Amino acid sequence: DIFWSGIKLYLSRHAGGVVETRDLWRALEEVSGHSLERFFEQAVFRAGHPSLTVTVSHTNKQLTVQVKQAVPAGQRPFAFDLDIDIAAAGKRGVDRLVKHVHQSNHTFVIPLAERPRFVVIDADLRVIGSVQVKAPSDLLRTQLASAPTARGRRMAAAALSKRDDPPCIEALGECLTKGREFWGVRAEAAASLGRIRSSDAFGHLARAVRTRHPKV
């Protein structure tokens, strides 16, 4: 509602006139009451986008999420909030933590007595950039099967492309044949099987070659 109020103010104030990006910026700040300088500087005026490698691990009753941001020489790291969804063992649904990232390397340590079923990073695609996830294979397989968003399941399929072992290949093959799964997740599973380039992976692709969805 606030966003559309800002758009209405921008259009009515500048109807028939000449505008620049800062006019939209000012209108949105006026209706929201928040400073949007950092957002516009990063998303509009600055070149590039965040490029993240996120490593997830669980040891000694602690969940560790390490976020590395690739920063070109002479530039500052991007600053943004990162959603971390944790599916705890024996519990339905996920718990969301929001961590602020503003450095090239952040390590978040979260007390967690039991190994989680899976952990999804940026489940709702709020980071305008690339996010690569590294996590244990069992967590990725469960994420591929059970993550609540297609974004989360697709990210798991992409990460499994680096795991040339029977359980991971089987999980990708099963995902590929799920008729009710979102086509983007199934297509990513097919791409991951192609990257693995093993005979087992090829077998799953060959059996699915006549899938009815053209984008898969």
C-alpha atoms as a PDB file:
ATOM      1  CA  ASP A   1       0.000   0.000   0.000  1.00  0.00           C
ATOM      2  CA  ILE A   2       2.842   2.384   0.843  1.00  0.00           C
ATOM      3  CA  PHE A   3       4.590   1.606  -2.449  1.00  0.00           C
ATOM      4  CA  TRP A   4       1.504   2.345  -4.560  1.00  0.00           C
ATOM      5  CA  SER A   5       0.823   5.515  -2.570  1.00  0.00           C
ATOM      6  CA  GLY A   6       4.330   6.630  -3.488  1.00  0.00           C
ATOM      7  CA  ILE A   7       3.756   5.832  -7.162  1.00  0.00           C
ATOM      8  CA  LYS A   8       0.493   7.795  -7.119  1.00  0.00           C
ATOM      9  CA  LEU A   9       2.240  10.795  -5.550  1.00  0.00           C
ATOM     10  CA  TYR A  10       5.069  10.573  -8.093  1.00  0.00           C
ATOM     11  CA  LEU A  11       2.677  10.462 -11.072  1.00  0.00           C
ATOM     12  CA  SER A  12       0.363  13.209  -9.865  1.00  0.00           C
ATOM     13  CA  ARG A  13       3.209  15.537  -8.849  1.00  0.00           C
ATOM     14  CA  HIS A  14       5.103  15.199 -12.135  1.00  0.00           C
ATOM     15  CA  ALA A  15       2.305  14.629 -14.658  1.00  0.00           C
ATOM     16  CA  GLY A  16       3.288  16.055 -18.031  1.00  0.00           C
ATOM     17  CA  GLY A  17       6.709  17.074 -16.773  1.00  0.00           C
ATOM     18  CA  VAL A  18      10.305  15.926 -17.035  1.00  0.00           C
ATOM     19  CA  VAL A  19      11.554  13.636 -14.273  1.00  0.00           C
ATOM     20  CA  GLU A  20      14.685  11.899 -13.051  1.00  0.00           C
ATOM     21  CA  THR A  21      15.162   8.896 -10.776  1.00  0.00           C
ATOM     22  CA  ARG A  22      15.563  11.098  -7.708  1.00  0.00           C
ATOM     23  CA  ASP A  23      11.975  12.340  -8.125  1.00  0.00           C
ATOM     24  CA  LEU A  24      10.700   8.782  -7.661  1.00  0.00           C
ATOM     25  CA  TRP A  25      13.134   8.332  -4.773  1.00  0.00           C
ATOM     26  CA  ARG A  26      11.798  11.430  -3.000  1.00  0.00           C
ATOM     27  CA  ALA A  27       8.154  10.460  -3.474  1.00  0.00           C
ATOM     28  CA  LEU A  28       8.713   6.991  -2.010  1.00  0.00           C
ATOM     29  CA  GLU A  29      10.629   8.424   0.942  1.00  0.00           C
ATOM     30  CA  GLU A  30       7.901  10.988   1.586  1.00  0.00           C
ATOM     31  CA  VAL A  31       5.090   8.431   1.896  1.00  0.00           C
ATOM     32  CA  SER A  32       7.113   5.760   3.710  1.00  0.00           C
ATOM     33  CA  GLY A  33       8.978   7.957   6.158  1.00  0.00           C
ATOM     34  CA  HIS A  34      12.139   5.902   5.575  1.00  0.00           C
ATOM     35  CA  SER A  35      15.453   6.804   4.023  1.00  0.00           C
ATOM     36  CA  LEU A  36      15.922   4.919   0.730  1.00  0.00           C
ATOM     37  CA  GLU A  37      19.354   6.324  -0.068  1.00  0.00           C
ATOM     38  CA  ARG A  38      21.177   3.002   0.416  1.00  0.00           C
ATOM     39  CA  PHE A  39      18.608   1.077  -1.616  1.00  0.00           C
ATOM     40  CA  PHE A  40      18.734   3.403  -4.614  1.00  0.00           C
ATOM     41  CA  GLU A  41      22.517   3.686  -4.424  1.00  0.00           C
ATOM     42  CA  GLN A  42      22.901  -0.103  -4.531  1.00  0.00           C
ATOM     43  CA  ALA A  43      20.035  -1.115  -6.810  1.00  0.00           C
ATOM     44  CA  VAL A  44      19.940   1.755  -9.307  1.00  0.00           C
ATOM     45  CA  PHE A  45      23.077   3.883  -9.416  1.00  0.00           C
ATOM     46  CA  ARG A  46      25.712   1.251  -8.653  1.00  0.00           C
ATOM     47  CA  ALA A  47      26.936  -1.359 -11.121  1.00  0.00           C
ATOM     48  CA  GLY A  48      26.785  -5.071 -10.353  1.00  0.00           C
ATOM     49  CA  HIS A  49      24.790  -7.091  -7.852  1.00  0.00           C
ATOM     50  CA  PRO A  50      25.440  -9.233  -4.751  1.00  0.00           C
ATOM     51  CA  SER A  51      27.181 -12.549  -5.488  1.00  0.00           C
ATOM     52  CA  LEU A  52      27.011 -14.856  -2.467  1.00  0.00           C
ATOM     53  CA  THR A  53      28.386 -18.246  -1.525  1.00  0.00           C
ATOM     54  CA  VAL A  54      26.618 -19.535   1.592  1.00  0.00           C
ATOM     55  CA  THR A  55      27.968 -22.565   3.463  1.00  0.00           C
ATOM     56  CA  VAL A  56      25.705 -24.367   5.943  1.00  0.00           C
ATOM     57  CA  SER A  57      26.966 -26.849   8.542  1.00  0.00           C
ATOM     58  CA  HIS A  58      25.846 -28.343  11.863  1.00  0.00           C
ATOM     59  CA  THR A  59      28.300 -29.502  14.527  1.00  0.00           C
ATOM     60  CA  ASN A  60      28.448 -29.482  18.331  1.00  0.00           C
ATOM     61  CA  LYS A  61      24.814 -28.438  18.660  1.00  0.00           C
ATOM     62  CA  GLN A  62      25.418 -25.342  16.577  1.00  0.00           C
ATOM     63  CA  LEU A  63      24.195 -24.363  13.135  1.00  0.00           C
ATOM     64  CA  THR A  64      26.795 -22.327  11.286  1.00  0.00           C
ATOM     65  CA  VAL A  65      25.919 -20.212   8.253  1.00  0.00           C
ATOM     66  CA  GLN A  66      28.914 -18.607   6.558  1.00  0.00           C
ATOM     67  CA  VAL A  67      28.185 -15.925   3.979  1.00  0.00           C
ATOM     68  CA  LYS A  68      30.956 -14.909   1.584  1.00  0.00           C
ATOM     69  CA  GLN A  69      30.329 -12.009  -0.768  1.00  0.00           C
ATOM     70  CA  ALA A  70      32.441 -11.607  -3.887  1.00  0.00           C
ATOM     71  CA  VAL A  71      33.487  -7.958  -3.935  1.00  0.00           C
ATOM     72  CA  PRO A  72      35.411  -6.516  -6.917  1.00  0.00           C
ATOM     73  CA  ALA A  73      38.538  -4.545  -6.100  1.00  0.00           C
ATOM     74  CA  GLY A  74      37.810  -0.952  -5.177  1.00  0.00           C
ATOM     75  CA  GLN A  75      34.124  -1.542  -4.372  1.00  0.00           C
ATOM     76  CA  ARG A  76      32.233  -1.828  -1.093  1.00  0.00           C
ATOM     77  CA  PRO A  77      30.264  -4.933  -0.125  1.00  0.00           C
ATOM     78  CA  PHE A  78      26.523  -4.753  -0.691  1.00  0.00           C
ATOM     79  CA  ALA A  79      24.348  -4.412   2.421  1.00  0.00           C
ATOM     80  CA  PHE A  80      21.060  -6.321   2.720  1.00  0.00           C
ATOM     81  CA  ASP A  81      18.973  -8.574   4.958  1.00  0.00           C
ATOM     82  CA  LEU A  82      19.315 -12.325   4.386  1.00  0.00           C
ATOM     83  CA  ASP A  83      16.505 -14.747   5.274  1.00  0.00           C
ATOM     84  CA  ILE A  84      17.559 -18.073   6.822  1.00  0.00           C
ATOM     85  CA  ASP A  85      14.715 -20.618   7.125  1.00  0.00           C
ATOM     86  CA  ILE A  86      15.435 -23.507   9.508  1.00  0.00           C
ATOM     87  CA  ALA A  87      13.367 -26.701   9.460  1.00  0.00           C
ATOM     88  CA  ALA A  88      14.034 -28.146  12.898  1.00  0.00           C
ATOM     89  CA  ALA A  89      13.982 -31.878  13.520  1.00  0.00           C
ATOM     90  CA  GLY A  90      10.595 -33.183  14.646  1.00  0.00           C
ATOM     91  CA  LYS A  91       8.838 -29.927  13.863  1.00  0.00           C
ATOM     92  CA  ARG A  92       6.574 -28.928  11.003  1.00  0.00           C
ATOM     93  CA  GLY A  93       7.204 -25.760   9.050  1.00  0.00           C
ATOM     94  CA  VAL A  94      10.241 -23.509   9.271  1.00  0.00           C
ATOM     95  CA  ASP A  95      11.536 -20.821  11.595  1.00  0.00           C
ATOM     96  CA  ARG A  96      12.872 -17.737   9.844  1.00  0.00           C
ATOM     97  CA  LEU A  97      15.859 -15.755  11.032  1.00  0.00           C
ATOM     98  CA  VAL A  98      16.799 -12.488   9.339  1.00  0.00           C
ATOM     99  CA  LYS A  99      20.482 -11.577   9.434  1.00  0.00           C
ATOM    100  CA  HIS A 100      21.968  -8.316   8.194  1.00  0.00           C
ATOM    101  CA  VAL A 101      24.875  -8.752   5.794  1.00  0.00           C
ATOM    102  CA  HIS A 102      27.174  -5.801   5.160  1.00  0.00           C
ATOM    103  CA  GLN A 103      30.671  -7.285   5.000  1.00  0.00           C
ATOM    104  CA  SER A 104      32.443  -9.536   2.508  1.00  0.00           C
ATOM    105  CA  ASN A 105      32.519 -12.365   5.064  1.00  0.00           C
ATOM    106  CA  HIS A 106      29.949 -13.041   7.787  1.00  0.00           C
ATOM    107  CA  THR A 107      29.642 -16.119  10.008  1.00  0.00           C
ATOM    108  CA  PHE A 108      26.378 -16.609  11.894  1.00  0.00           C
ATOM    109  CA  VAL A 109      26.354 -19.234  14.677  1.00  0.00           C
ATOM    110  CA  ILE A 110      22.904 -20.353  15.828  1.00  0.00           C
ATOM    111  CA  PRO A 111      22.375 -22.674  18.838  1.00  0.00           C
ATOM    112  CA  LEU A 112      20.525 -25.770  17.596  1.00  0.00           C
ATOM    113  CA  ALA A 113      20.625 -28.928  19.690  1.00  0.00           C
ATOM    114  CA  GLU A 114      19.516 -31.336  16.950  1.00  0.00           C
ATOM    115  CA  ARG A 115      20.561 -31.545  13.324  1.00  0.00           C
ATOM    116  CA  PRO A 116      17.960 -29.674  11.207  1.00  0.00           C
ATOM    117  CA  ARG A 117      16.009 -31.365   8.445  1.00  0.00           C
ATOM    118  CA  PHE A 118      17.095 -28.625   6.046  1.00  0.00           C
ATOM    119  CA  VAL A 119      18.065 -24.946   5.881  1.00  0.00           C
ATOM    120  CA  VAL A 120      16.878 -22.663   3.074  1.00  0.00           C
ATOM    121  CA  ILE A 121      18.722 -19.459   2.253  1.00  0.00           C
ATOM    122  CA  ASP A 122      16.746 -16.554   0.731  1.00  0.00           C
ATOM    123  CA  ALA A 123      13.629 -18.659   0.212  1.00  0.00           C
ATOM    124  CA  ASP A 124      11.562 -15.777  -1.207  1.00  0.00           C
ATOM    125  CA  LEU A 125      14.200 -14.358  -3.590  1.00  0.00           C
ATOM    126  CA  ARG A 126      14.676 -11.112  -1.665  1.00  0.00           C
ATOM    127  CA  VAL A 127      18.363 -10.828  -2.562  1.00  0.00           C
ATOM    128  CA  ILE A 128      18.643  -9.210  -5.989  1.00  0.00           C
ATOM    129  CA  GLY A 129      21.693 -11.175  -7.042  1.00  0.00           C
ATOM    130  CA  SER A 130      23.162 -14.678  -7.196  1.00  0.00           C
ATOM    131  CA  VAL A 131      23.147 -17.060  -4.234  1.00  0.00           C
ATOM    132  CA  GLN A 132      25.093 -20.324  -4.280  1.00  0.00           C
ATOM    133  CA  VAL A 133      24.532 -22.708  -1.377  1.00  0.00           C
ATOM    134  CA  LYS A 134      26.826 -25.414  -0.020  1.00  0.00           C
ATOM    135  CA  ALA A 135      25.286 -27.780   2.519  1.00  0.00           C
ATOM    136  CA  PRO A 136      25.459 -31.452   3.574  1.00  0.00           C
ATOM    137  CA  SER A 137      23.891 -33.832   1.066  1.00  0.00           C
ATOM    138  CA  ASP A 138      21.202 -35.129   3.436  1.00  0.00           C
ATOM    139  CA  LEU A 139      19.980 -31.604   4.144  1.00  0.00           C
ATOM    140  CA  LEU A 140      19.898 -30.785   0.433  1.00  0.00           C
ATOM    141  CA  ARG A 141      17.941 -33.941  -0.442  1.00  0.00           C
ATOM    142  CA  THR A 142      15.323 -33.176   2.212  1.00  0.00           C
ATOM    143  CA  GLN A 143      15.188 -29.555   1.063  1.00  0.00           C
ATOM    144  CA  LEU A 144      14.586 -30.692  -2.514  1.00  0.00           C
ATOM    145  CA  ALA A 145      11.678 -32.860  -1.395  1.00  0.00           C
ATOM    146  CA  SER A 146      10.128 -30.703   1.326  1.00  0.00           C
ATOM    147  CA  ALA A 147      11.091 -27.008   1.172  1.00  0.00           C
ATOM    148  CA  PRO A 148       7.892 -24.923   1.216  1.00  0.00           C
ATOM    149  CA  THR A 149       8.873 -22.636  -1.674  1.00  0.00           C
ATOM    150  CA  ALA A 150       9.814 -23.529  -5.239  1.00  0.00           C
ATOM    151  CA  ARG A 151      12.807 -21.216  -4.848  1.00  0.00           C
ATOM    152  CA  GLY A 152      14.082 -23.351  -1.959  1.00  0.00           C
ATOM    153  CA  ARG A 153      13.592 -26.612  -3.834  1.00  0.00           C
ATOM    154  CA  ARG A 154      15.240 -25.230  -6.981  1.00  0.00           C
ATOM    155  CA  MET A 155      18.288 -24.081  -5.024  1.00  0.00           C
ATOM    156  CA  ALA A 156      18.647 -27.567  -3.551  1.00  0.00           C
ATOM    157  CA  ALA A 157      18.495 -29.111  -7.027  1.00  0.00           C
ATOM    158  CA  ALA A 158      21.243 -26.760  -8.223  1.00  0.00           C
ATOM    159  CA  ALA A 159      23.477 -27.544  -5.232  1.00  0.00           C
ATOM    160  CA  LEU A 160      23.072 -31.311  -5.753  1.00  0.00           C
ATOM    161  CA  SER A 161      24.690 -31.028  -9.193  1.00  0.00           C
ATOM    162  CA  LYS A 162      28.040 -31.302  -7.411  1.00  0.00           C
ATOM    163  CA  ARG A 163      27.162 -34.584  -5.636  1.00  0.00           C
ATOM    164  CA  ASP A 164      27.882 -37.639  -7.789  1.00  0.00           C
ATOM    165  CA  ASP A 165      26.509 -40.293  -5.434  1.00  0.00           C
ATOM    166  CA  PRO A 166      23.525 -42.667  -5.757  1.00  0.00           C
ATOM    167  CA  PRO A 167      21.227 -41.054  -3.112  1.00  0.00           C
ATOM    168  CA  CYS A 168      21.606 -37.571  -4.604  1.00  0.00           C
ATOM    169  CA  ILE A 169      21.169 -38.768  -8.175  1.00  0.00           C
ATOM    170  CA  GLU A 170      18.066 -40.704  -7.110  1.00  0.00           C
ATOM    171  CA  ALA A 171      16.629 -37.617  -5.407  1.00  0.00           C
ATOM    172  CA  LEU A 172      17.153 -35.531  -8.550  1.00  0.00           C
ATOM    173  CA  GLY A 173      15.608 -38.238 -10.718  1.00  0.00           C
ATOM    174  CA  GLU A 174      12.570 -38.475  -8.461  1.00  0.00           C
ATOM    175  CA  CYS A 175      12.125 -34.702  -8.566  1.00  0.00           C
ATOM    176  CA  LEU A 176      12.370 -34.725 -12.350  1.00  0.00           C
ATOM    177  CA  THR A 177       9.421 -37.134 -12.659  1.00  0.00           C
ATOM    178  CA  LYS A 178       7.091 -35.306 -10.229  1.00  0.00           C
ATOM    179  CA  GLY A 179       4.259 -34.120 -12.441  1.00  0.00           C
ATOM    180  CA  ARG A 180       2.898 -31.744  -9.795  1.00  0.00           C
ATOM    181  CA  GLU A 181       6.226 -30.072  -9.094  1.00  0.00           C
ATOM    182  CA  PHE A 182       6.820 -26.575 -10.477  1.00  0.00           C
ATOM    183  CA  TRP A 183       8.433 -26.882 -13.895  1.00  0.00           C
ATOM    184  CA  GLY A 184      11.373 -24.662 -12.907  1.00  0.00           C
ATOM    185  CA  VAL A 185      12.380 -27.056 -10.118  1.00  0.00           C
ATOM    186  CA  ARG A 186      12.091 -30.062 -12.440  1.00  0.00           C
ATOM    187  CA  ALA A 187      14.124 -28.297 -15.128  1.00  0.00           C
ATOM    188  CA  GLU A 188      16.852 -27.522 -12.579  1.00  0.00           C
ATOM    189  CA  ALA A 189      16.880 -31.176 -11.528  1.00  0.00           C
ATOM    190  CA  ALA A 190      17.369 -32.179 -15.166  1.00  0.00           C
ATOM    191  CA  ALA A 191      20.175 -29.634 -15.579  1.00  0.00           C
ATOM    192  CA  SER A 192      21.891 -30.947 -12.441  1.00  0.00           C
ATOM    193  CA  LEU A 193      21.708 -34.528 -13.704  1.00  0.00           C
ATOM    194  CA  GLY A 194      23.271 -33.295 -16.927  1.00  0.00           C
ATOM    195  CA  ARG A 195      26.128 -31.657 -15.030  1.00  0.00           C
ATOM    196  CA  ILE A 196      26.862 -34.840 -13.075  1.00  0.00           C
ATOM    197  CA  ARG A 197      27.437 -36.685 -16.375  1.00  0.00           C
ATOM    198  CA  SER A 198      27.341 -40.220 -14.951  1.00  0.00           C
ATOM    199  CA  SER A 199      25.605 -43.250 -16.424  1.00  0.00           C
ATOM    200  CA  ASP A 200      23.068 -43.265 -13.570  1.00  0.00           C
ATOM    201  CA  ALA A 201      22.278 -39.604 -14.155  1.00  0.00           C
ATOM    202  CA  PHE A 202      21.885 -40.243 -17.872  1.00  0.00           C
ATOM    203  CA  GLY A 203      19.476 -43.072 -17.114  1.00  0.00           C
ATOM    204  CA  HIS A 204      17.140 -40.748 -15.235  1.00  0.00           C
ATOM    205  CA  LEU A 205      17.271 -38.206 -18.062  1.00  0.00           C
ATOM    206  CA  ALA A 206      16.589 -40.856 -20.695  1.00  0.00           C
ATOM    207  CA  ARG A 207      13.548 -42.165 -18.821  1.00  0.00           C
ATOM    208  CA  ALA A 208      12.140 -38.638 -18.541  1.00  0.00           C
ATOM    209  CA  VAL A 209      12.835 -37.532 -22.098  1.00  0.00           C
ATOM    210  CA  ARG A 210       9.157 -37.705 -23.091  1.00  0.00           C
ATOM    211  CA  THR A 211       7.905 -35.578 -20.216  1.00  0.00           C
ATOM    212  CA  ARG A 212       4.824 -33.650 -21.245  1.00  0.00           C
ATOM    213  CA  HIS A 213       5.908 -30.207 -20.009  1.00  0.00           C
ATOM    214  CA  PRO A 214       7.950 -28.560 -22.791  1.00  0.00           C
ATOM    215  CA  LYS A 215       9.948 -26.338 -20.437  1.00  0.00           C
ATOM    216  CA  VAL A 216      11.102 -29.354 -18.418  1.00  0.00           C
END
